[in-house]
Amino acid sequence: MALQIPNEDHFRKLLEIEAVKQGCRYTQIPDVHRAAYSIAKKTGAHLPVYKRPCDGIFSTPDGLAWIELKHQNGQLKPHQEKHLRIERGMHKQAYVLRAKETKRDGLHFTIEHEDGVILSDSKDIEVMIDHLKRFIKPPKRA
């Protein structure tokens, strides 16, 4: 049976497992905005919070990258575009990882950079991670 990824959360869990197998790590950034909304709804309190800058951080022995995960044709929200643009301006280490399944081609994993430019397209998540590791450069020393 072919691998299926029904949603972004499943994609994240698969990425976490496969990254460790390749000597890397994917760390999810908690969504405090969602938690604060839940607390405010229950208590009636107003909690000033900010949306997280990205879904998570991908760590390799050579460096780090900000990662935004997308499933199928999910679009970046304005605050996600803003944060990725800021990070790309500083370090060029921000990517959109997408899991997309079509009836004709099956499951594909892509790595996107600025303006949806696809840097890598693979049917295998291990290959996608290997390509991502090559894109991540060590930080420049001052």
C-alpha atoms as a PDB file:
ATOM      1  CA  MET A   1       0.000   0.000   0.000  1.00  0.00           C
ATOM      2  CA  ALA A   2       1.282   3.435  -0.929  1.00  0.00           C
ATOM      3  CA  LEU A   3       2.113   6.039   1.691  1.00  0.00           C
ATOM      4  CA  GLN A   4      -0.745   8.470   2.307  1.00  0.00           C
ATOM      5  CA  ILE A   5      -0.593  11.823   4.041  1.00  0.00           C
ATOM      6  CA  PRO A   6      -4.118  12.945   4.934  1.00  0.00           C
ATOM      7  CA  ASN A   7      -3.193  16.289   6.523  1.00  0.00           C
ATOM      8  CA  GLU A   8      -0.427  18.669   7.588  1.00  0.00           C
ATOM      9  CA  ASP A   9      -0.164  17.158  11.070  1.00  0.00           C
ATOM     10  CA  HIS A  10       0.549  13.712   9.622  1.00  0.00           C
ATOM     11  CA  PHE A  11       3.159  15.290   7.317  1.00  0.00           C
ATOM     12  CA  ARG A  12       4.831  16.931  10.338  1.00  0.00           C
ATOM     13  CA  LYS A  13       5.005  13.652  12.270  1.00  0.00           C
ATOM     14  CA  LEU A  14       6.471  11.833   9.270  1.00  0.00           C
ATOM     15  CA  LEU A  15       9.044  14.611   8.784  1.00  0.00           C
ATOM     16  CA  GLU A  16      10.058  14.407  12.470  1.00  0.00           C
ATOM     17  CA  ILE A  17      10.627  10.627  12.222  1.00  0.00           C
ATOM     18  CA  GLU A  18      12.457  10.679   8.889  1.00  0.00           C
ATOM     19  CA  ALA A  19      14.675  13.636   9.854  1.00  0.00           C
ATOM     20  CA  VAL A  20      16.054  11.717  12.852  1.00  0.00           C
ATOM     21  CA  LYS A  21      16.881   8.766  10.575  1.00  0.00           C
ATOM     22  CA  GLN A  22      19.076  11.136   8.526  1.00  0.00           C
ATOM     23  CA  GLY A  23      20.880  12.703  11.479  1.00  0.00           C
ATOM     24  CA  CYS A  24      18.706  15.825  11.539  1.00  0.00           C
ATOM     25  CA  ARG A  25      15.825  17.142  13.584  1.00  0.00           C
ATOM     26  CA  TYR A  26      12.549  18.900  12.902  1.00  0.00           C
ATOM     27  CA  THR A  27      11.228  20.857  15.881  1.00  0.00           C
ATOM     28  CA  GLN A  28       7.705  22.216  15.826  1.00  0.00           C
ATOM     29  CA  ILE A  29       7.138  25.715  17.184  1.00  0.00           C
ATOM     30  CA  PRO A  30       4.090  25.677  19.482  1.00  0.00           C
ATOM     31  CA  ASP A  31       1.118  27.673  18.271  1.00  0.00           C
ATOM     32  CA  VAL A  32       0.548  29.948  21.278  1.00  0.00           C
ATOM     33  CA  HIS A  33      -2.024  31.963  19.328  1.00  0.00           C
ATOM     34  CA  ARG A  34      -4.331  28.933  19.223  1.00  0.00           C
ATOM     35  CA  ALA A  35      -3.806  28.204  22.931  1.00  0.00           C
ATOM     36  CA  ALA A  36      -4.368  31.859  23.885  1.00  0.00           C
ATOM     37  CA  TYR A  37      -7.574  31.960  21.859  1.00  0.00           C
ATOM     38  CA  SER A  38      -8.832  28.889  23.711  1.00  0.00           C
ATOM     39  CA  ILE A  39      -7.958  30.408  27.116  1.00  0.00           C
ATOM     40  CA  ALA A  40      -9.525  33.758  26.211  1.00  0.00           C
ATOM     41  CA  LYS A  41     -12.696  32.046  25.055  1.00  0.00           C
ATOM     42  CA  LYS A  42     -13.003  30.126  28.332  1.00  0.00           C
ATOM     43  CA  THR A  43     -12.056  32.964  30.697  1.00  0.00           C
ATOM     44  CA  GLY A  44     -13.077  36.072  28.781  1.00  0.00           C
ATOM     45  CA  ALA A  45      -9.532  37.456  29.234  1.00  0.00           C
ATOM     46  CA  HIS A  46      -7.683  39.256  26.466  1.00  0.00           C
ATOM     47  CA  LEU A  47      -4.183  37.855  25.902  1.00  0.00           C
ATOM     48  CA  PRO A  48      -1.937  39.777  23.507  1.00  0.00           C
ATOM     49  CA  VAL A  49      -0.044  37.119  21.549  1.00  0.00           C
ATOM     50  CA  TYR A  50       1.728  36.955  18.247  1.00  0.00           C
ATOM     51  CA  LYS A  51       1.462  34.399  15.528  1.00  0.00           C
ATOM     52  CA  ARG A  52       4.414  32.031  15.324  1.00  0.00           C
ATOM     53  CA  PRO A  53       6.986  32.911  12.652  1.00  0.00           C
ATOM     54  CA  CYS A  54       6.874  29.460  11.010  1.00  0.00           C
ATOM     55  CA  ASP A  55       5.731  25.892  11.656  1.00  0.00           C
ATOM     56  CA  GLY A  56       9.127  24.695  12.804  1.00  0.00           C
ATOM     57  CA  ILE A  57      12.894  24.597  12.587  1.00  0.00           C
ATOM     58  CA  PHE A  58      14.833  21.997  10.616  1.00  0.00           C
ATOM     59  CA  SER A  59      18.277  21.364  12.147  1.00  0.00           C
ATOM     60  CA  THR A  60      21.209  19.718  10.401  1.00  0.00           C
ATOM     61  CA  PRO A  61      24.824  19.396  11.505  1.00  0.00           C
ATOM     62  CA  ASP A  62      25.550  22.330   9.157  1.00  0.00           C
ATOM     63  CA  GLY A  63      22.819  24.761  10.155  1.00  0.00           C
ATOM     64  CA  LEU A  64      19.161  25.606  10.637  1.00  0.00           C
ATOM     65  CA  ALA A  65      16.246  26.568   8.411  1.00  0.00           C
ATOM     66  CA  TRP A  66      12.808  27.973   9.077  1.00  0.00           C
ATOM     67  CA  ILE A  67      10.180  25.613   7.693  1.00  0.00           C
ATOM     68  CA  GLU A  68       6.570  26.165   6.753  1.00  0.00           C
ATOM     69  CA  LEU A  69       4.680  22.914   6.100  1.00  0.00           C
ATOM     70  CA  LYS A  70       1.864  22.764   3.588  1.00  0.00           C
ATOM     71  CA  HIS A  71      -0.443  19.960   2.540  1.00  0.00           C
ATOM     72  CA  GLN A  72      -1.859  19.760  -0.989  1.00  0.00           C
ATOM     73  CA  ASN A  73      -2.402  23.267  -2.418  1.00  0.00           C
ATOM     74  CA  GLY A  74      -2.481  25.138   0.907  1.00  0.00           C
ATOM     75  CA  GLN A  75      -1.441  28.756   0.459  1.00  0.00           C
ATOM     76  CA  LEU A  76       0.779  30.802   2.744  1.00  0.00           C
ATOM     77  CA  LYS A  77      -1.094  33.229   4.972  1.00  0.00           C
ATOM     78  CA  PRO A  78       0.047  36.884   4.948  1.00  0.00           C
ATOM     79  CA  HIS A  79       1.896  36.615   8.285  1.00  0.00           C
ATOM     80  CA  GLN A  80       3.655  33.443   7.077  1.00  0.00           C
ATOM     81  CA  GLU A  81       4.811  35.161   3.882  1.00  0.00           C
ATOM     82  CA  LYS A  82       6.043  38.121   5.936  1.00  0.00           C
ATOM     83  CA  HIS A  83       8.079  36.021   8.378  1.00  0.00           C
ATOM     84  CA  LEU A  84       9.586  33.838   5.629  1.00  0.00           C
ATOM     85  CA  ARG A  85      10.515  36.962   3.608  1.00  0.00           C
ATOM     86  CA  ILE A  86      12.258  38.455   6.679  1.00  0.00           C
ATOM     87  CA  GLU A  87      14.222  35.244   7.335  1.00  0.00           C
ATOM     88  CA  ARG A  88      15.192  34.880   3.672  1.00  0.00           C
ATOM     89  CA  GLY A  89      16.441  38.463   3.714  1.00  0.00           C
ATOM     90  CA  MET A  90      18.716  37.750   6.675  1.00  0.00           C
ATOM     91  CA  HIS A  91      19.954  34.205   6.103  1.00  0.00           C
ATOM     92  CA  LYS A  92      18.272  32.766   2.992  1.00  0.00           C
ATOM     93  CA  GLN A  93      17.349  29.747   5.134  1.00  0.00           C
ATOM     94  CA  ALA A  94      13.550  29.536   4.889  1.00  0.00           C
ATOM     95  CA  TYR A  95      11.627  26.959   2.892  1.00  0.00           C
ATOM     96  CA  VAL A  96       8.105  25.702   2.293  1.00  0.00           C
ATOM     97  CA  LEU A  97       7.874  21.911   2.375  1.00  0.00           C
ATOM     98  CA  ARG A  98       4.806  20.553   0.652  1.00  0.00           C
ATOM     99  CA  ALA A  99       3.241  17.088   0.512  1.00  0.00           C
ATOM    100  CA  LYS A 100       0.900  16.876  -2.442  1.00  0.00           C
ATOM    101  CA  GLU A 101      -0.977  13.901  -3.813  1.00  0.00           C
ATOM    102  CA  THR A 102      -2.547  13.704  -7.253  1.00  0.00           C
ATOM    103  CA  LYS A 103      -4.402  10.811  -8.824  1.00  0.00           C
ATOM    104  CA  ARG A 104      -2.130  10.847 -11.868  1.00  0.00           C
ATOM    105  CA  ASP A 105       1.295  11.207 -10.211  1.00  0.00           C
ATOM    106  CA  GLY A 106       0.703   9.968  -6.670  1.00  0.00           C
ATOM    107  CA  LEU A 107       2.440  11.528  -3.669  1.00  0.00           C
ATOM    108  CA  HIS A 108       5.122  14.193  -4.181  1.00  0.00           C
ATOM    109  CA  PHE A 109       7.261  16.141  -1.729  1.00  0.00           C
ATOM    110  CA  THR A 110       8.485  19.548  -2.831  1.00  0.00           C
ATOM    111  CA  ILE A 111      10.820  22.157  -1.421  1.00  0.00           C
ATOM    112  CA  GLU A 112       9.813  25.692  -2.360  1.00  0.00           C
ATOM    113  CA  HIS A 113      11.783  28.890  -1.938  1.00  0.00           C
ATOM    114  CA  GLU A 114      10.781  32.429  -2.794  1.00  0.00           C
ATOM    115  CA  ASP A 115       7.529  33.014  -4.663  1.00  0.00           C
ATOM    116  CA  GLY A 116       6.750  29.295  -4.918  1.00  0.00           C
ATOM    117  CA  VAL A 117       9.887  28.448  -6.907  1.00  0.00           C
ATOM    118  CA  ILE A 118      10.284  24.677  -6.609  1.00  0.00           C
ATOM    119  CA  LEU A 119      13.848  23.708  -5.760  1.00  0.00           C
ATOM    120  CA  SER A 120      13.197  19.982  -5.410  1.00  0.00           C
ATOM    121  CA  ASP A 121      10.408  17.558  -6.312  1.00  0.00           C
ATOM    122  CA  SER A 122      10.546  13.953  -5.159  1.00  0.00           C
ATOM    123  CA  LYS A 123       8.269  10.981  -4.606  1.00  0.00           C
ATOM    124  CA  ASP A 124      10.311  10.010  -1.550  1.00  0.00           C
ATOM    125  CA  ILE A 125      10.507  11.984   1.712  1.00  0.00           C
ATOM    126  CA  GLU A 126      14.048  10.685   2.344  1.00  0.00           C
ATOM    127  CA  VAL A 127      15.187  12.244  -0.941  1.00  0.00           C
ATOM    128  CA  MET A 128      13.417  15.512  -0.054  1.00  0.00           C
ATOM    129  CA  ILE A 129      15.251  15.625   3.289  1.00  0.00           C
ATOM    130  CA  ASP A 130      18.568  14.866   1.586  1.00  0.00           C
ATOM    131  CA  HIS A 131      17.993  17.780  -0.818  1.00  0.00           C
ATOM    132  CA  LEU A 132      16.984  20.077   2.059  1.00  0.00           C
ATOM    133  CA  LYS A 133      20.207  19.199   3.906  1.00  0.00           C
ATOM    134  CA  ARG A 134      22.184  20.287   0.829  1.00  0.00           C
ATOM    135  CA  PHE A 135      20.360  23.636   0.666  1.00  0.00           C
ATOM    136  CA  ILE A 136      21.067  24.482   4.319  1.00  0.00           C
ATOM    137  CA  LYS A 137      24.406  26.269   4.639  1.00  0.00           C
ATOM    138  CA  PRO A 138      26.460  26.838   7.776  1.00  0.00           C
ATOM    139  CA  PRO A 139      25.903  30.277   9.330  1.00  0.00           C
ATOM    140  CA  LYS A 140      28.401  32.976   8.420  1.00  0.00           C
ATOM    141  CA  ARG A 141      30.728  33.934  11.245  1.00  0.00           C
ATOM    142  CA  ALA A 142      31.109  37.601  12.067  1.00  0.00           C
END
